[in-house]
Amino acid sequence: MVNQILEFMHYYTTEILSEAKIFKDYHGTKSGIDVKDIQLAIASKSFNSFTRPLPISTMKTISYEKNLN
């Protein structure tokens, strides 16, 4: 279990830093990766990688229909 967590963290960190480097290179005038590049990389990665919960209205509709049966 610990090895899997370490492997995930290594992969995730490497991906984030690679994305941050791409954003830094896109800017062109900066000499290194800064916090804004890393924040943008994390936001970009989480937007495409992780699922979001359903809206509350959808959950209420589902629970209402489920409770009727």
Protein backbone atom coordinates (compact mmCIF):
# COMPACT_ATOMS: atom_id res chain seq x y z
CA MET A 1 0.00 0.00 0.00
CA VAL A 2 2.77 2.44 0.90
CA ASN A 3 4.57 1.68 -2.37
CA GLN A 4 1.42 2.45 -4.34
CA ILE A 5 0.98 5.78 -2.57
CA LEU A 6 4.63 6.68 -3.18
CA GLU A 7 4.34 5.71 -6.83
CA PHE A 8 1.17 7.80 -7.24
CA MET A 9 2.76 10.81 -5.53
CA HIS A 10 5.89 10.54 -7.68
CA TYR A 11 3.83 10.29 -10.86
CA TYR A 12 1.50 13.14 -9.85
CA THR A 13 4.37 15.44 -8.79
CA THR A 14 6.30 14.72 -11.98
CA GLU A 15 3.25 15.46 -14.10
CA ILE A 16 2.53 18.71 -12.26
CA LEU A 17 6.12 19.91 -12.59
CA SER A 18 6.15 19.00 -16.29
CA GLU A 19 2.96 21.00 -16.83
CA ALA A 20 4.36 23.92 -14.81
CA LYS A 21 7.48 23.90 -17.00
CA ILE A 22 5.30 24.06 -20.12
CA PHE A 23 3.43 27.07 -18.69
CA LYS A 24 6.76 28.71 -17.77
CA ASP A 25 8.11 28.13 -21.28
CA TYR A 26 4.94 29.55 -22.77
CA HIS A 27 5.43 32.77 -20.82
CA GLY A 28 8.91 33.08 -22.30
CA THR A 29 10.58 35.71 -20.12
CA LYS A 30 10.78 33.87 -16.79
CA SER A 31 13.93 32.06 -15.73
CA GLY A 32 12.26 29.45 -13.53
CA ILE A 33 9.01 27.88 -12.43
CA ASP A 34 7.11 29.94 -9.87
CA VAL A 35 4.09 29.33 -7.65
CA LYS A 36 1.63 30.67 -10.25
CA ASP A 37 2.88 28.10 -12.81
CA ILE A 38 2.40 25.28 -10.32
CA GLN A 39 -1.06 26.52 -9.31
CA LEU A 40 -2.10 26.71 -12.95
CA ALA A 41 -0.74 23.20 -13.58
CA ILE A 42 -2.64 21.78 -10.60
CA ALA A 43 -5.86 23.51 -11.68
CA SER A 44 -5.43 22.22 -15.22
CA LYS A 45 -4.68 18.68 -14.07
CA SER A 46 -7.53 18.51 -11.56
CA PHE A 47 -10.02 19.88 -14.09
CA ASN A 48 -9.32 16.95 -16.41
CA SER A 49 -8.40 14.17 -13.98
CA PHE A 50 -10.73 14.10 -11.03
CA THR A 51 -14.48 13.76 -11.04
CA ARG A 52 -16.68 16.32 -9.41
CA PRO A 53 -19.69 15.51 -7.25
CA LEU A 54 -23.11 15.78 -8.79
CA PRO A 55 -25.05 19.00 -8.21
CA ILE A 56 -27.30 18.98 -5.14
CA SER A 57 -30.43 19.32 -7.27
CA THR A 58 -29.51 16.15 -9.16
CA MET A 59 -28.80 14.29 -5.91
CA LYS A 60 -32.17 15.38 -4.50
CA THR A 61 -33.97 14.19 -7.62
CA ILE A 62 -32.22 10.83 -7.55
CA SER A 63 -32.87 10.32 -3.84
CA TYR A 64 -36.54 11.34 -4.24
CA GLU A 65 -37.04 8.86 -7.07
CA LYS A 66 -35.20 6.14 -5.18
CA ASN A 67 -37.23 6.67 -2.02
CA LEU A 68 -40.51 6.42 -3.92
CA ASN A 69 -39.80 2.79 -4.83
